[in-house]
Amino acid sequence: MQESTPQSPAGRLPPLLVAHLTDQAGSLEPPADAAADAVVLALHEDLTPDGDLSAALVPAEALADGVLASRADGVLAGSACATEAFAQVSDAIEVVWLRADGDRIAPGDVVATVRGPLAPILTAERTALNFLCRLSGVATTTACWVQAAGAVAVAGAEEGAVRIWDTRKTTPGLRALERAAVRAGGGWNHRTNLSHWVMLKDNHLTGTDIASAVALSRSLWPARTVHVECETLDQVRQSLEAGADALLLDNMNPTLIITCVGEVHAHGERHGTRPLVEASGGITLDRVADYAATGVDCISTSALTNGAPSLDLGLDLYPDPDLHPDLQRGTPA
């Protein structure tokens, strides 16, 4: 796969940020341990203290065939969590995926078949669907932003195209899963957490200045990215002189951002490298194209995770597999 990082004649990006972006290209699945841990907590929440009382009434020998199907247009994500939910309840349940994370789906599309003992299928059903609907909602919302911005998706490699970035405003405990869903929707991931790299916002600069804060960051963590929030053109200039790796242009209008991007590119022409430029704050879906046209590398928004509605998917069970053609095939797409 080609390197999917924004570069331009106005200077290359810092190597650490190049690596951060390149590592995401084509990676749509969450870490396996993150999916497993999240499912453990979700099932504990659903089954404490006495298990599934209703499923206990189902005859032990009862079997079921069913399909996971979409009820709305969207982008699929969360298949690993849904599979994990069924597997943790019973290893006798077979889930076969006909569609993959990142696929666009429409009402009526069958995304997977489910076969096995009826009682554990019923027990795992809501947990599996909660993950699938939530994460598909994040992927769908992200895809809307990517399309509106004319942005490059994770699988793309267009030079100079803007990236849609997520934020740390994620559901507690589900960040790795939601970040994977953002990638499934064509978005890109910001820093993983507070330990990933240094980000100097206005409150961090209380009692100090940008140059001193960047220098101290370099001294304490020489191998980490240093990212500076800027609210004015003067702060952009200070950050460039200090050698920041990335600039967050916060709550700026497109006209001011264009001026700031010009300063950054001029810096890159003089020095051969330049910081990544991120726009954030007050950017809405209906105006994201205006910000994408400013020349920034990334546009970050909490709307990808914080404001994403769930996508409607459901489990339909059939007493006779002959009633549904996908239950005949049972083969992945």
Protein backbone atom coordinates (compact mmCIF):
# COMPACT_ATOMS: atom_id res chain seq x y z
CA MET A 1 0.00 0.00 0.00
CA GLN A 2 1.22 3.48 -0.78
CA GLU A 3 2.18 5.84 2.00
CA SER A 4 -1.02 7.67 2.97
CA THR A 5 0.40 10.82 4.48
CA PRO A 6 0.03 14.46 3.48
CA GLN A 7 3.22 15.84 1.95
CA SER A 8 3.83 18.91 -0.18
CA PRO A 9 6.66 20.82 -1.85
CA ALA A 10 6.40 23.21 1.11
CA GLY A 11 8.22 20.75 3.37
CA ARG A 12 7.86 17.25 4.73
CA LEU A 13 6.00 16.42 7.92
CA PRO A 14 7.89 15.27 11.03
CA PRO A 15 8.72 11.53 10.84
CA LEU A 16 6.76 10.65 13.99
CA LEU A 17 3.55 12.05 12.49
CA VAL A 18 4.25 10.38 9.15
CA ALA A 19 4.54 7.06 11.00
CA HIS A 20 1.37 7.75 13.01
CA LEU A 21 -0.66 8.29 9.83
CA THR A 22 0.98 5.54 7.79
CA ASP A 23 0.32 2.93 10.48
CA GLN A 24 -3.42 3.56 10.17
CA ALA A 25 -3.68 2.93 6.44
CA GLY A 26 -5.91 -0.06 5.78
CA SER A 27 -6.31 -0.92 9.48
CA LEU A 28 -10.04 -1.15 10.24
CA GLU A 29 -10.16 -3.69 13.09
CA PRO A 30 -9.77 -2.81 16.77
CA PRO A 31 -7.18 -4.64 18.88
CA ALA A 32 -8.53 -8.10 19.73
CA ASP A 33 -7.98 -7.60 23.46
CA ALA A 34 -9.94 -4.34 23.41
CA ALA A 35 -12.93 -6.06 21.83
CA ALA A 36 -12.74 -8.98 24.24
CA ASP A 37 -12.42 -6.79 27.33
CA ALA A 38 -15.33 -4.56 26.29
CA VAL A 39 -17.56 -7.59 25.70
CA VAL A 40 -16.67 -9.05 29.10
CA LEU A 41 -17.85 -5.88 30.82
CA ALA A 42 -20.99 -5.62 28.68
CA LEU A 43 -22.05 -9.21 29.35
CA HIS A 44 -21.34 -8.80 33.06
CA GLU A 45 -23.58 -5.75 33.05
CA ASP A 46 -26.35 -7.68 31.28
CA LEU A 47 -26.15 -10.99 33.19
CA THR A 48 -25.44 -10.06 36.81
CA PRO A 49 -26.42 -11.57 39.19
CA ASP A 50 -28.50 -14.52 37.99
CA GLY A 51 -27.92 -14.86 34.25
CA ASP A 52 -30.53 -14.65 31.51
CA LEU A 53 -33.78 -15.59 33.24
CA SER A 54 -35.85 -15.61 30.04
CA ALA A 55 -33.39 -17.71 28.02
CA ALA A 56 -33.43 -20.30 30.82
CA LEU A 57 -37.00 -21.15 29.74
CA VAL A 58 -35.87 -22.13 26.23
CA PRO A 59 -35.44 -25.89 25.68
CA ALA A 60 -31.76 -26.78 25.74
CA GLU A 61 -32.02 -28.69 22.47
CA ALA A 62 -33.62 -25.78 20.55
CA LEU A 63 -31.51 -24.55 17.64
CA ALA A 64 -31.76 -21.34 15.64
CA ASP A 65 -30.74 -19.95 12.27
CA GLY A 66 -30.78 -16.22 11.70
CA VAL A 67 -29.33 -13.21 9.94
CA LEU A 68 -27.93 -9.91 11.12
CA ALA A 69 -29.45 -7.36 8.76
CA SER A 70 -29.34 -3.63 8.26
CA ARG A 71 -32.47 -1.53 8.59
CA ALA A 72 -30.85 1.69 7.33
CA ASP A 73 -28.22 3.08 4.98
CA GLY A 74 -24.80 3.31 6.55
CA VAL A 75 -21.31 1.90 6.98
CA LEU A 76 -20.65 -1.33 8.84
CA ALA A 77 -18.32 -1.46 11.87
CA GLY A 78 -18.08 -3.52 15.04
CA SER A 79 -18.14 -7.00 13.55
CA ALA A 80 -15.31 -8.17 15.82
CA CYS A 81 -17.26 -7.15 18.92
CA ALA A 82 -20.44 -8.82 17.72
CA THR A 83 -18.57 -12.05 16.99
CA GLU A 84 -16.91 -11.84 20.39
CA ALA A 85 -20.24 -11.39 22.18
CA PHE A 86 -21.68 -14.56 20.68
CA ALA A 87 -18.43 -16.48 21.27
CA GLN A 88 -18.18 -15.52 24.95
CA VAL A 89 -21.72 -16.76 25.58
CA SER A 90 -21.32 -20.03 23.66
CA ASP A 91 -18.61 -21.48 21.44
CA ALA A 92 -21.37 -23.47 19.70
CA ILE A 93 -22.65 -20.33 17.95
CA GLU A 94 -21.37 -19.88 14.40
CA VAL A 95 -21.24 -16.36 12.97
CA VAL A 96 -20.34 -15.95 9.29
CA TRP A 97 -19.83 -12.42 8.01
CA LEU A 98 -21.06 -11.64 4.51
CA ARG A 99 -19.97 -8.00 4.71
CA ALA A 100 -16.85 -6.45 6.22
CA ASP A 101 -16.18 -3.40 8.37
CA GLY A 102 -16.02 -0.36 6.11
CA ASP A 103 -18.62 -1.72 3.67
CA ARG A 104 -21.55 0.50 2.78
CA ILE A 105 -24.86 -1.19 3.59
CA ALA A 106 -28.50 -0.50 2.79
CA PRO A 107 -31.85 -1.48 4.32
CA GLY A 108 -32.37 -5.22 3.97
CA ASP A 109 -28.70 -6.04 3.46
CA VAL A 110 -27.66 -9.18 5.35
CA VAL A 111 -24.28 -8.59 6.98
CA ALA A 112 -23.89 -11.97 8.73
CA THR A 113 -25.55 -15.30 9.40
CA VAL A 114 -25.90 -16.75 12.90
CA ARG A 115 -26.42 -20.43 13.72
CA GLY A 116 -26.42 -22.39 16.95
CA PRO A 117 -28.30 -23.12 20.17
CA LEU A 118 -31.25 -20.75 20.54
CA ALA A 119 -30.85 -19.88 24.24
CA PRO A 120 -27.28 -18.49 24.07
CA ILE A 121 -28.06 -16.70 20.80
CA LEU A 122 -30.87 -14.87 22.59
CA THR A 123 -28.58 -14.10 25.53
CA ALA A 124 -25.85 -12.61 23.34
CA GLU A 125 -28.18 -10.87 20.88
CA ARG A 126 -28.54 -7.45 22.52
CA THR A 127 -24.89 -7.16 23.53
CA ALA A 128 -23.79 -8.03 19.99
CA LEU A 129 -26.26 -5.56 18.48
CA ASN A 130 -25.37 -2.79 20.92
CA PHE A 131 -21.76 -2.90 19.74
CA LEU A 132 -22.68 -3.36 16.09
CA CYS A 133 -25.23 -0.51 16.03
CA ARG A 134 -23.10 1.91 18.04
CA LEU A 135 -19.90 1.36 16.08
CA SER A 136 -21.67 1.32 12.72
CA GLY A 137 -23.20 4.64 13.72
CA VAL A 138 -19.73 6.08 14.34
CA ALA A 139 -18.52 4.75 10.98
CA THR A 140 -21.58 6.14 9.20
CA THR A 141 -21.22 9.59 10.75
CA THR A 142 -17.52 9.63 9.88
CA ALA A 143 -18.28 8.70 6.28
CA CYS A 144 -20.67 11.67 6.05
CA TRP A 145 -17.89 14.03 7.17
CA VAL A 146 -15.34 12.47 4.82
CA GLN A 147 -17.71 12.83 1.89
CA ALA A 148 -18.72 16.39 2.77
CA ALA A 149 -15.09 17.47 3.06
CA GLY A 150 -13.96 15.70 -0.08
CA ALA A 151 -11.40 14.14 2.24
CA VAL A 152 -9.05 11.23 1.65
CA ALA A 153 -10.09 8.01 3.38
CA VAL A 154 -7.75 5.71 5.30
CA ALA A 155 -7.22 3.53 2.23
CA GLY A 156 -6.36 6.53 0.02
CA ALA A 157 -3.06 8.12 -0.83
CA GLU A 158 -3.96 11.37 -2.55
CA GLU A 159 -1.25 13.94 -1.95
CA GLY A 160 -2.40 17.10 -0.25
CA ALA A 161 -5.92 15.91 0.56
CA VAL A 162 -7.36 16.77 3.96
CA ARG A 163 -7.93 14.09 6.61
CA ILE A 164 -10.92 13.93 8.95
CA TRP A 165 -9.56 13.32 12.44
CA ASP A 166 -11.33 12.09 15.56
CA THR A 167 -10.76 13.40 19.12
CA ARG A 168 -10.47 12.01 22.65
CA LYS A 169 -14.17 12.69 23.21
CA THR A 170 -15.05 9.01 23.12
CA THR A 171 -17.25 6.73 25.22
CA PRO A 172 -15.26 5.81 28.36
CA GLY A 173 -13.80 2.33 27.97
CA LEU A 174 -14.63 2.10 24.26
CA ARG A 175 -12.00 4.38 22.72
CA ALA A 176 -10.10 1.68 20.81
CA LEU A 177 -13.36 0.37 19.38
CA GLU A 178 -14.64 3.79 18.36
CA ARG A 179 -11.30 4.74 16.84
CA ALA A 180 -11.49 1.60 14.68
CA ALA A 181 -15.02 2.57 13.67
CA VAL A 182 -13.77 6.01 12.64
CA ARG A 183 -11.23 4.31 10.38
CA ALA A 184 -13.97 2.06 8.97
CA GLY A 185 -15.84 5.22 8.01
CA GLY A 186 -12.80 6.63 6.21
CA GLY A 187 -11.56 8.87 9.03
CA TRP A 188 -8.21 9.02 10.77
CA ASN A 189 -7.20 8.81 14.41
CA HIS A 190 -5.72 11.65 16.45
CA ARG A 191 -3.38 10.86 19.35
CA THR A 192 -4.36 7.72 21.25
CA ASN A 193 -4.36 9.21 24.74
CA LEU A 194 -2.55 11.66 27.02
CA SER A 195 0.60 9.49 27.00
CA HIS A 196 0.87 9.37 23.22
CA TRP A 197 2.26 12.84 22.62
CA VAL A 198 2.48 16.32 24.13
CA MET A 199 -0.40 18.67 23.34
CA LEU A 200 -0.06 22.21 24.66
CA LYS A 201 -3.44 23.92 24.98
CA ASP A 202 -4.14 27.35 26.43
CA ASN A 203 -4.45 26.07 29.99
CA HIS A 204 -1.09 24.29 29.74
CA LEU A 205 0.55 27.60 28.84
CA THR A 206 -0.63 29.40 31.99
CA GLY A 207 2.44 30.95 33.56
CA THR A 208 4.76 30.10 30.67
CA ASP A 209 5.10 30.69 26.93
CA ILE A 210 5.09 28.55 23.80
CA ALA A 211 8.85 28.55 23.28
CA SER A 212 9.58 27.52 26.88
CA ALA A 213 6.86 24.84 26.90
CA VAL A 214 8.06 23.30 23.63
CA ALA A 215 11.68 23.34 24.82
CA LEU A 216 10.77 21.66 28.10
CA SER A 217 8.74 19.04 26.22
CA ARG A 218 11.74 18.27 24.02
CA SER A 219 13.93 17.96 27.09
CA LEU A 220 11.59 15.59 28.94
CA TRP A 221 10.30 13.54 25.99
CA PRO A 222 12.68 13.97 23.02
CA ALA A 223 11.02 11.19 20.99
CA ARG A 224 7.45 12.46 21.29
CA THR A 225 5.38 14.69 19.03
CA VAL A 226 4.80 18.21 20.37
CA HIS A 227 1.46 19.69 19.29
CA VAL A 228 0.53 23.30 20.05
CA GLU A 229 -2.95 24.85 20.10
CA CYS A 230 -2.99 28.26 18.41
CA GLU A 231 -5.77 30.82 18.52
CA THR A 232 -3.92 33.64 16.73
CA LEU A 233 -1.48 34.15 13.87
CA ASP A 234 1.13 35.34 16.37
CA GLN A 235 0.88 32.02 18.25
CA VAL A 236 1.37 30.17 14.95
CA ARG A 237 4.56 32.15 14.35
CA GLN A 238 5.79 31.47 17.89
CA SER A 239 5.09 27.75 17.46
CA LEU A 240 6.98 27.63 14.17
CA GLU A 241 9.99 29.34 15.73
CA ALA A 242 9.82 26.94 18.69
CA GLY A 243 9.89 23.91 16.36
CA ALA A 244 6.46 22.42 17.10
CA ASP A 245 5.58 19.25 15.20
CA ALA A 246 1.89 20.04 14.80
CA LEU A 247 -0.38 23.06 15.13
CA LEU A 248 -4.03 23.01 16.15
CA LEU A 249 -5.75 26.09 14.69
CA ASP A 250 -8.56 26.51 17.20
CA ASN A 251 -11.82 28.30 16.41
CA MET A 252 -10.36 30.21 13.48
CA ASN A 253 -12.40 31.23 10.44
CA PRO A 254 -11.33 29.94 7.00
CA THR A 255 -9.78 33.26 5.98
CA LEU A 256 -7.44 33.33 8.99
CA ILE A 257 -6.62 29.64 8.53
CA ILE A 258 -5.52 30.28 4.94
CA THR A 259 -3.13 32.96 6.23
CA CYS A 260 -1.76 30.58 8.88
CA VAL A 261 -1.29 27.77 6.34
CA GLY A 262 0.65 30.21 4.16
CA GLU A 263 3.00 30.95 7.07
CA VAL A 264 3.49 27.23 7.70
CA HIS A 265 4.27 26.47 4.07
CA ALA A 266 6.69 29.38 3.88
CA HIS A 267 8.42 27.96 6.95
CA GLY A 268 8.57 24.56 5.26
CA GLU A 269 10.15 26.02 2.13
CA ARG A 270 12.85 27.62 4.24
CA HIS A 271 13.58 24.66 6.50
CA GLY A 272 12.59 21.56 4.51
CA THR A 273 10.14 20.35 7.16
CA ARG A 274 6.93 21.81 8.47
CA PRO A 275 4.41 21.00 11.19
CA LEU A 276 1.14 19.25 10.48
CA VAL A 277 -1.75 21.72 10.47
CA GLU A 278 -5.05 20.78 12.12
CA ALA A 279 -8.24 22.85 12.15
CA SER A 280 -10.73 22.34 14.94
CA GLY A 281 -13.43 24.07 16.93
CA GLY A 282 -16.85 25.17 15.75
CA ILE A 283 -16.64 23.29 12.43
CA THR A 284 -19.99 21.87 11.37
CA LEU A 285 -20.84 19.30 8.72
CA ASP A 286 -22.42 21.88 6.46
CA ARG A 287 -19.25 24.03 6.52
CA VAL A 288 -16.53 21.41 6.61
CA ALA A 289 -15.86 21.78 2.87
CA ASP A 290 -14.98 25.45 3.44
CA TYR A 291 -12.35 24.42 5.99
CA ALA A 292 -11.08 21.58 3.78
CA ALA A 293 -10.36 24.14 1.07
CA THR A 294 -7.99 26.13 3.32
CA GLY A 295 -5.06 23.75 2.85
CA VAL A 296 -4.99 22.22 6.34
CA ASP A 297 -3.82 18.62 6.68
CA CYS A 298 -6.50 17.50 9.14
CA ILE A 299 -9.88 18.62 10.42
CA SER A 300 -10.78 17.22 13.84
CA THR A 301 -14.27 17.00 15.27
CA SER A 302 -15.86 15.32 18.26
CA ALA A 303 -19.02 14.80 16.18
CA LEU A 304 -17.60 11.53 14.84
CA THR A 305 -17.93 9.86 18.23
CA ASN A 306 -19.63 12.28 20.60
CA GLY A 307 -22.60 12.99 18.35
CA ALA A 308 -22.98 9.83 16.29
CA PRO A 309 -26.42 8.15 16.41
CA SER A 310 -26.55 4.36 16.34
CA LEU A 311 -27.23 2.66 13.02
CA ASP A 312 -30.27 0.38 13.04
CA LEU A 313 -29.37 -3.29 12.59
CA GLY A 314 -31.25 -6.30 13.89
CA LEU A 315 -31.20 -10.08 14.29
CA ASP A 316 -33.92 -11.99 12.44
CA LEU A 317 -34.36 -15.65 13.39
CA TYR A 318 -35.91 -18.24 11.06
CA PRO A 319 -37.36 -21.59 12.18
CA ASP A 320 -36.58 -22.99 8.72
CA PRO A 321 -33.27 -22.03 7.03
CA ASP A 322 -34.94 -22.53 3.65
CA LEU A 323 -36.91 -19.35 4.32
CA HIS A 324 -33.86 -17.15 3.81
CA PRO A 325 -31.37 -17.53 0.91
CA ASP A 326 -28.40 -16.21 2.89
CA LEU A 327 -28.81 -19.08 5.33
CA GLN A 328 -28.30 -21.41 2.38
CA ARG A 329 -25.01 -19.79 1.38
CA GLY A 330 -23.44 -19.06 4.73
CA THR A 331 -20.25 -18.03 2.96
CA PRO A 332 -18.39 -14.76 3.44
CA ALA A 333 -18.46 -12.12 0.73
